[in-house]
Protein backbone atom coordinates (compact mmCIF):
# COMPACT_ATOMS: atom_id res chain seq x y z
CA MET A 1 -2.32 16.33 -0.08
CA ASN A 2 -4.98 15.67 2.54
CA GLY A 3 -7.28 12.74 3.26
CA ILE A 4 -10.59 12.53 5.12
CA TYR A 5 -11.71 9.40 6.97
CA ILE A 6 -15.26 8.97 8.28
CA HIS A 7 -15.82 6.12 10.74
CA ILE A 8 -19.34 4.68 10.71
CA PRO A 9 -19.53 2.74 14.01
CA TYR A 10 -22.42 0.37 13.24
CA CYS A 11 -22.87 -3.15 11.88
CA ARG A 12 -25.99 -5.25 11.38
CA GLN A 13 -24.38 -8.21 13.15
CA VAL A 14 -21.10 -9.23 14.78
CA CYS A 15 -18.41 -10.81 12.61
CA TYR A 16 -16.55 -13.18 14.90
CA TYR A 17 -13.04 -12.05 13.84
CA CYS A 18 -13.55 -8.28 13.79
CA ASP A 19 -11.67 -6.04 16.24
CA PHE A 20 -12.75 -2.67 14.79
CA HIS A 21 -14.96 -0.34 16.78
CA PHE A 22 -18.68 -0.81 16.09
CA ARG A 23 -22.02 -1.41 17.74
CA VAL A 24 -24.97 -3.44 16.46
CA ALA A 25 -27.68 -1.34 18.15
CA MET A 26 -28.44 1.69 15.97
CA ARG A 27 -31.01 3.50 18.10
CA ASP A 28 -28.67 6.48 18.44
CA LYS A 29 -27.74 6.70 14.76
CA ALA A 30 -29.41 10.09 14.21
CA ALA A 31 -27.64 11.51 17.28
CA MET A 32 -24.36 9.98 16.07
CA LEU A 33 -24.62 11.63 12.66
CA ALA A 34 -25.41 14.97 14.32
CA ALA A 35 -22.35 14.57 16.57
CA MET A 36 -20.16 13.80 13.57
CA LYS A 37 -21.39 16.98 11.89
CA GLN A 38 -20.43 18.86 15.03
CA GLU A 39 -16.95 17.33 15.02
CA MET A 40 -16.45 18.40 11.40
CA GLU A 41 -17.45 21.93 12.37
CA TYR A 42 -15.18 22.11 15.42
CA ARG A 43 -12.19 20.63 13.61
CA ARG A 44 -12.52 22.41 10.27
CA ASN A 45 -9.08 24.00 10.69
CA TYR A 46 -7.22 20.83 11.70
CA LEU A 47 -5.47 20.39 8.33
CA ARG A 48 -5.11 24.07 7.57
CA LEU A 49 -1.58 25.30 6.93
CA ASN A 50 -0.35 28.61 8.33
CA GLY A 51 -1.86 31.44 6.36
CA GLU A 52 -4.15 29.18 4.32
CA THR A 53 -7.63 30.53 3.70
CA GLY A 54 -10.82 29.06 2.32
CA ARG A 55 -11.78 25.40 2.35
CA VAL A 56 -8.89 22.97 2.73
CA ALA A 57 -8.40 20.81 -0.38
CA ALA A 58 -8.67 17.03 -0.05
CA ASP A 59 -8.01 14.39 -2.68
CA THR A 60 -9.38 11.33 -0.86
CA LEU A 61 -12.49 10.61 1.20
CA TYR A 62 -12.97 7.22 2.81
CA PHE A 63 -16.08 5.90 4.57
CA GLY A 64 -14.93 3.05 6.82
CA GLY A 65 -16.25 1.19 9.81
CA GLY A 66 -18.04 -0.70 11.05
CA THR A 67 -20.20 -1.05 7.98
CA PRO A 68 -20.76 2.29 6.21
CA SER A 69 -23.31 0.70 3.89
CA VAL A 70 -25.77 0.50 6.81
CA LEU A 71 -26.34 4.21 6.13
CA SER A 72 -28.99 5.21 3.65
CA VAL A 73 -28.10 7.20 0.55
CA GLY A 74 -29.73 10.19 2.22
CA GLU A 75 -27.60 9.86 5.35
CA LEU A 76 -24.42 9.52 3.30
CA GLY A 77 -25.44 12.52 1.25
CA MET A 78 -25.91 14.60 4.40
CA LEU A 79 -22.39 13.72 5.54
CA MET A 80 -20.93 14.53 2.13
CA ARG A 81 -22.66 17.92 2.06
CA GLU A 82 -21.21 18.67 5.48
CA ILE A 83 -17.75 17.64 4.30
CA GLU A 84 -18.09 19.96 1.30
CA ARG A 85 -18.90 22.83 3.68
CA HIS A 86 -15.46 22.57 5.26
CA TYR A 87 -13.29 20.88 2.62
CA ARG A 88 -12.86 21.22 -1.11
CA LEU A 89 -12.89 17.77 -2.65
CA LEU A 90 -10.78 17.91 -5.79
CA PRO A 91 -12.49 17.02 -9.09
CA ASP A 92 -10.60 13.73 -9.35
CA ALA A 93 -10.90 12.86 -5.64
CA GLU A 94 -11.03 9.17 -4.76
CA ILE A 95 -14.23 8.64 -2.73
CA THR A 96 -14.45 5.14 -1.21
CA LEU A 97 -17.26 3.37 0.59
CA GLU A 98 -16.75 0.10 2.43
CA ALA A 99 -19.80 -2.10 1.87
CA ASN A 100 -21.25 -5.48 2.70
CA PRO A 101 -22.38 -7.42 -0.37
CA ASP A 102 -26.00 -7.77 0.76
CA ASP A 103 -26.38 -3.99 1.03
CA LEU A 104 -25.49 -3.40 -2.63
CA THR A 105 -28.90 -3.41 -4.27
CA ASP A 106 -29.43 -1.78 -7.67
CA ASP A 107 -31.18 1.23 -6.13
CA TYR A 108 -28.51 1.68 -3.47
CA LEU A 109 -25.71 1.49 -6.04
CA SER A 110 -27.45 4.07 -8.24
CA GLY A 111 -27.74 6.36 -5.25
CA LEU A 112 -24.06 5.98 -4.41
CA ARG A 113 -23.08 6.88 -7.96
CA ASP A 114 -25.32 9.96 -7.86
CA LEU A 115 -23.54 11.08 -4.67
CA GLY A 116 -20.17 10.92 -6.42
CA ILE A 117 -18.83 7.85 -4.65
CA ASN A 118 -16.47 6.32 -7.19
CA ARG A 119 -14.76 3.44 -5.39
CA LEU A 120 -16.19 0.46 -3.49
CA SER A 121 -14.40 -1.80 -1.04
CA VAL A 122 -16.57 -4.92 -0.80
CA GLY A 123 -16.18 -7.18 2.24
CA VAL A 124 -16.44 -10.59 0.60
CA GLN A 125 -13.96 -12.47 2.89
CA SER A 126 -14.59 -15.87 1.24
CA PHE A 127 -16.35 -17.50 -1.68
CA HIS A 128 -17.15 -20.58 0.44
CA ASP A 129 -20.45 -20.56 2.31
CA ASP A 130 -19.13 -22.66 5.21
CA ASP A 131 -16.33 -20.12 5.76
CA LEU A 132 -18.85 -17.30 5.77
CA ARG A 133 -21.02 -19.07 8.31
CA ARG A 134 -17.97 -19.73 10.50
CA LEU A 135 -17.05 -16.04 10.33
CA ASN A 136 -20.71 -15.07 10.98
CA ARG A 137 -21.02 -13.06 7.79
CA ARG A 138 -24.52 -12.02 6.67
CA HIS A 139 -24.16 -12.88 2.98
CA THR A 140 -23.58 -16.01 0.93
CA ALA A 141 -20.82 -16.58 -1.61
CA ARG A 142 -23.35 -16.27 -4.43
CA GLU A 143 -24.64 -12.95 -3.08
CA ALA A 144 -21.09 -11.64 -2.82
CA TYR A 145 -20.29 -12.56 -6.41
CA HIS A 146 -23.45 -11.03 -7.81
CA SER A 147 -23.09 -7.86 -5.74
CA VAL A 148 -19.81 -7.11 -7.51
CA GLU A 149 -21.40 -7.82 -10.89
CA ARG A 150 -24.26 -5.43 -10.04
CA ALA A 151 -21.81 -2.71 -9.05
CA GLN A 152 -19.96 -3.13 -12.34
CA ARG A 153 -23.20 -2.90 -14.31
CA LYS A 154 -23.98 0.34 -12.45
CA GLY A 155 -20.71 1.83 -13.66
CA PHE A 156 -18.33 1.20 -10.78
CA GLY A 157 -14.99 0.38 -12.36
CA ASN A 158 -12.86 0.94 -9.26
CA ILE A 159 -13.77 -1.96 -6.97
CA SER A 160 -11.72 -3.71 -4.30
CA ILE A 161 -12.54 -7.10 -2.78
CA ASP A 162 -11.48 -8.14 0.73
CA LEU A 163 -10.56 -11.80 1.24
CA MET A 164 -9.27 -13.75 4.24
CA TYR A 165 -6.89 -16.70 4.41
CA GLY A 166 -5.35 -18.71 7.20
CA LEU A 167 -8.85 -19.78 8.23
CA PRO A 168 -9.37 -23.05 10.12
CA ALA A 169 -9.75 -25.99 7.71
CA MET A 170 -8.74 -23.83 4.73
CA SER A 171 -6.73 -25.93 2.28
CA SER A 172 -4.61 -24.53 -0.53
CA ASP A 173 -7.23 -25.68 -3.03
CA ARG A 174 -9.99 -23.79 -1.20
CA TRP A 175 -7.83 -20.66 -1.05
CA ARG A 176 -6.94 -20.99 -4.74
CA TYR A 177 -10.66 -21.22 -5.57
CA CYS A 178 -11.36 -17.95 -3.68
CA LEU A 179 -8.60 -16.16 -5.53
CA HIS A 180 -9.58 -17.37 -8.98
CA THR A 181 -13.23 -16.54 -8.30
CA ALA A 182 -12.14 -13.00 -7.43
CA PHE A 183 -10.01 -12.81 -10.58
CA SER A 184 -12.98 -13.95 -12.69
CA LEU A 185 -14.80 -10.76 -11.63
CA ASP A 186 -11.95 -8.71 -13.13
CA VAL A 187 -11.79 -6.28 -10.21
CA PRO A 188 -8.74 -4.00 -10.27
CA HIS A 189 -7.88 -4.25 -6.56
CA LEU A 190 -7.68 -7.04 -4.01
CA SER A 191 -6.93 -6.93 -0.27
CA ALA A 192 -6.11 -10.21 1.45
CA TYR A 193 -5.62 -10.64 5.20
CA HIS A 194 -4.51 -13.60 7.27
CA LEU A 195 -6.90 -14.37 10.13
CA THR A 196 -5.62 -12.85 13.35
CA VAL A 197 -7.42 -13.81 16.55
CA GLU A 198 -7.72 -10.67 18.67
CA PRO A 199 -8.59 -10.96 22.40
CA ARG A 200 -11.77 -8.85 22.33
CA THR A 201 -13.38 -10.70 19.42
CA VAL A 202 -15.77 -13.66 19.59
CA PHE A 203 -12.98 -15.88 18.25
CA GLY A 204 -10.64 -14.51 20.91
CA LYS A 205 -13.08 -15.29 23.71
CA ARG A 206 -13.72 -18.76 22.34
CA GLN A 207 -9.98 -19.37 22.05
CA ASN A 208 -9.56 -18.43 25.71
CA LYS A 209 -11.96 -21.28 26.47
CA GLY A 210 -9.80 -23.76 24.60
CA GLU A 211 -10.93 -23.58 20.99
CA ASN A 212 -8.05 -23.36 18.49
CA PHE A 213 -8.19 -21.10 15.42
CA HIS A 214 -4.52 -21.19 14.45
CA ILE A 215 -3.17 -23.12 11.49
CA ALA A 216 0.35 -24.45 11.09
CA GLU A 217 2.98 -21.85 10.19
CA GLU A 218 3.99 -23.79 7.08
CA ASP A 219 0.36 -23.74 5.91
CA SER A 220 0.19 -19.98 6.47
CA ALA A 221 3.39 -19.50 4.48
CA ALA A 222 2.09 -21.72 1.67
CA GLN A 223 -1.15 -19.73 1.44
CA PHE A 224 0.75 -16.44 1.41
CA ASP A 225 2.99 -17.74 -1.40
CA LEU A 226 -0.06 -18.93 -3.32
CA LEU A 227 -1.64 -15.49 -2.91
CA ALA A 228 1.44 -13.65 -4.16
CA ASP A 229 2.04 -16.00 -7.08
CA ALA A 230 -1.58 -16.06 -8.21
CA CYS A 231 -1.92 -12.27 -8.05
CA GLU A 232 1.28 -11.76 -9.99
CA ALA A 233 0.13 -14.19 -12.67
CA ALA A 234 -3.20 -12.36 -12.89
CA GLY A 235 -1.50 -9.00 -13.46
CA TYR A 236 -1.69 -7.46 -9.99
CA GLU A 237 1.19 -5.55 -8.40
CA HIS A 238 1.93 -6.52 -4.79
CA TYR A 239 2.27 -2.88 -3.71
CA GLU A 240 1.68 -3.37 0.04
CA ILE A 241 1.88 -6.48 2.20
CA SER A 242 -1.88 -7.12 2.11
CA ASN A 243 -2.80 -5.21 -1.06
CA PHE A 244 -2.65 -5.96 -4.78
CA ALA A 245 -3.64 -3.69 -7.64
CA ARG A 246 -3.62 -3.42 -11.39
CA THR A 247 -1.84 -0.42 -12.89
CA GLY A 248 -3.48 2.84 -11.87
CA PHE A 249 -5.71 1.30 -9.18
CA GLN A 250 -3.62 1.48 -6.03
CA ALA A 251 -5.79 2.73 -3.16
CA ARG A 252 -4.89 6.40 -3.01
CA HIS A 253 -6.33 6.95 0.46
CA ASN A 254 -4.38 4.12 2.10
CA THR A 255 -1.26 4.93 0.11
CA ALA A 256 -1.41 8.42 1.63
CA TYR A 257 -1.37 6.81 5.10
CA TRP A 258 1.68 4.75 4.18
CA ARG A 259 3.44 7.84 2.85
CA GLN A 260 2.55 9.79 6.00
CA GLN A 261 0.46 12.45 4.36
CA PRO A 262 -1.95 14.38 6.62
CA TYR A 263 -5.48 13.13 7.20
CA ILE A 264 -8.38 13.83 9.53
CA GLY A 265 -10.56 11.15 11.08
CA ILE A 266 -14.17 11.87 12.06
CA GLY A 267 -16.27 9.63 14.32
CA PRO A 268 -15.70 7.44 17.38
CA SER A 269 -12.29 5.68 17.38
CA ALA A 270 -11.14 7.58 14.28
CA HIS A 271 -7.48 8.63 14.11
CA SER A 272 -5.95 11.79 12.65
CA TYR A 273 -2.42 12.85 11.72
CA ASN A 274 -1.15 16.29 10.69
CA GLY A 275 2.59 15.73 10.47
CA THR A 276 3.43 16.76 14.01
CA SER A 277 0.86 14.95 16.15
CA ARG A 278 -1.45 11.95 16.27
CA GLN A 279 -5.00 12.21 17.52
CA TRP A 280 -7.56 9.52 18.29
CA ASN A 281 -11.21 9.83 19.27
CA VAL A 282 -12.94 8.08 22.14
CA ASN A 283 -14.06 4.58 21.09
CA ASN A 284 -17.42 4.64 22.84
CA ASN A 285 -20.49 5.70 20.86
CA THR A 286 -22.49 7.04 23.80
CA ARG A 287 -19.56 8.99 25.22
CA TYR A 288 -18.65 10.40 21.80
CA ILE A 289 -22.20 11.67 21.29
CA GLU A 290 -22.33 13.18 24.79
CA LEU A 291 -19.02 15.00 24.37
CA LEU A 292 -19.92 16.43 20.97
CA THR A 293 -23.49 17.34 21.95
CA ASP A 294 -22.36 19.42 24.91
CA THR A 295 -20.32 22.52 24.26
CA PRO A 296 -16.88 20.92 23.77
CA LYS A 297 -13.98 22.14 25.83
CA ASP A 298 -10.46 21.43 24.60
CA GLU A 299 -11.68 18.62 22.34
CA GLN A 300 -12.50 16.28 25.23
CA TRP A 301 -13.71 13.62 22.79
CA CYS A 302 -10.13 12.86 21.71
CA GLU A 303 -6.59 12.39 22.93
CA ARG A 304 -3.51 13.83 21.27
CA GLU A 305 0.15 12.93 21.23
CA ILE A 306 2.91 15.22 19.96
CA LEU A 307 5.34 13.08 18.02
CA SER A 308 8.94 12.92 19.20
CA PRO A 309 11.65 12.40 16.56
CA PHE A 310 11.70 8.72 17.55
CA ASP A 311 7.90 8.45 17.20
CA ALA A 312 7.99 10.04 13.76
CA TYR A 313 10.87 7.82 12.62
CA ASN A 314 9.17 4.65 13.88
CA ASP A 315 5.94 5.64 12.13
CA TYR A 316 7.89 6.06 8.91
CA ILE A 317 9.52 2.63 9.25
CA LEU A 318 6.20 0.99 10.15
CA THR A 319 4.39 2.34 7.11
CA ALA A 320 7.09 2.63 4.45
CA LEU A 321 8.56 -0.84 4.82
CA ARG A 322 5.16 -2.42 4.21
CA THR A 323 5.07 -0.99 0.69
CA SER A 324 6.81 -1.79 -2.58
CA ARG A 325 8.34 1.70 -2.44
CA GLY A 326 10.15 0.77 0.75
CA VAL A 327 12.35 2.77 3.10
CA ARG A 328 14.62 5.22 1.30
CA LYS A 329 17.90 6.01 2.96
CA ASP A 330 18.02 9.56 1.58
CA GLU A 331 14.53 10.24 2.90
CA VAL A 332 15.51 9.02 6.36
CA ARG A 333 18.58 11.22 6.33
CA GLN A 334 16.65 14.26 5.09
CA GLN A 335 13.68 13.88 7.45
CA PHE A 336 15.35 12.53 10.60
CA GLY A 337 19.09 13.19 10.35
CA ASP A 338 22.33 11.25 10.07
CA ALA A 339 21.97 9.31 13.33
CA PHE A 340 18.68 7.75 12.25
CA ALA A 341 19.89 7.04 8.71
CA ASP A 342 23.11 5.40 9.92
CA GLY A 343 21.23 3.45 12.59
CA PHE A 344 18.75 2.14 10.04
CA VAL A 345 21.50 0.97 7.68
CA GLN A 346 23.29 -0.83 10.53
CA GLN A 347 20.09 -2.52 11.72
CA ALA A 348 19.14 -3.54 8.19
CA VAL A 349 22.40 -5.47 7.60
CA LYS A 350 21.29 -8.68 9.30
CA HIS A 351 17.98 -8.69 7.44
CA LEU A 352 19.84 -8.20 4.15
CA ARG A 353 22.03 -11.18 5.01
CA GLN A 354 18.96 -13.26 5.80
CA ALA A 355 17.41 -12.29 2.44
CA CYS A 356 14.43 -10.68 4.18
CA ILE A 357 15.27 -7.20 2.83
CA VAL A 358 16.82 -6.20 -0.48
CA GLU A 359 18.52 -2.88 -1.23
CA HIS A 360 18.55 -1.14 -4.62
CA ASN A 361 19.85 2.39 -5.18
CA GLY A 362 19.30 3.29 -1.54
CA SER A 363 15.77 1.87 -1.34
CA TYR A 364 15.19 -0.98 1.13
CA THR A 365 12.22 -3.25 0.46
CA LEU A 366 10.97 -6.52 1.90
CA THR A 367 11.46 -9.72 -0.05
CA ARG A 368 8.71 -12.34 -0.24
CA LYS A 369 10.32 -14.04 2.75
CA GLY A 370 10.47 -10.73 4.61
CA LYS A 371 6.85 -9.85 3.92
CA PHE A 372 5.69 -13.00 5.69
CA ILE A 373 7.54 -11.99 8.89
CA ALA A 374 7.25 -8.23 8.42
CA ASP A 375 6.03 -7.41 11.93
CA GLY A 376 9.17 -8.82 13.53
CA ILE A 377 11.48 -7.05 11.08
CA ILE A 378 9.73 -3.71 11.51
CA SER A 379 9.88 -4.03 15.30
CA ASP A 380 13.61 -4.75 15.12
CA LEU A 381 14.25 -1.67 12.95
CA MET A 382 12.48 0.76 15.28
CA MET A 383 14.53 3.01 17.52
CA THR A 384 14.17 4.35 21.06
CA ASP A 385 15.97 7.01 23.08
CA ASP A 386 18.36 4.30 24.27
CA ASP A 387 19.51 3.83 20.67
CA GLY A 388 20.12 7.52 20.09
């Protein structure tokens, strides 16, 4: 099935850890929305199969960013009407909006429900006010908690909360408090990310000047273990390295990414994948608007890469091994051939011996130990032409 991603490249203020594409100034928002409508028009056939007619069916729609909740209900409705012009959202489609807690007023939530948005991903990050100030978040812990309660009262049952750990001065007790506060809201989905200091962020620039944001590796491991244990005890399945869900509430849109199903990305910096190629849009708001406002020639607002067999295999390893479904030997053999399947099995041996990967009926999944060092394992399992 197909997914649609809409990137809203605006935020009300800069979060010091964030490395996603956004801009605080919104003077060009109307022009941006018009350019996004143009991109939808020009790329309406991107996911169309040979011989397919009519609107292409899609079973997920995801508004990400940036902060999509900076858009009014009217602006979101305009984008959804444009999407419906070119795509047929299935009756049970998962429609997600990422939102900041302080944007989720009663009126705004009612408007979202009327539009058909049925899933919220709320950027809480922490239930400690000093953490939120350190991260330069706009909301307080109390506002975050009550925003989720308001959404539930308005009928949103499918809600995800984002939390961060590995923060400076975060003790296990403080992390445990964040988790149990989230559990007390009885949300069916939780995403938890360790702080990573990226070079282009405020934290990255401050670190270059000598400030330290890293915590000891043993503290990181302890907080990851606490996260996994607490979520398991609360009835959440650890279905992807950073994601936990109760039965029936796995994020369908992101799961489609991890299973390499086709999707189209609209907006500056958005990525697309159709099974044979990857495509990514220019990550500059002004340039994106200019290129879509003029008569486009050869989709100048994006770059495209045709996937080699090695690219496609590495993408599969990167996404599949992060999930509880894991890498399946038969799938590798069927999709990529004997050389890739045999190479994977050989490379996996040392990680099996180190108890970082476990194999069951031809499915290879990360253990708790392996999940904590997943990036290194995935890198080791990738193949290049030299391995062929």
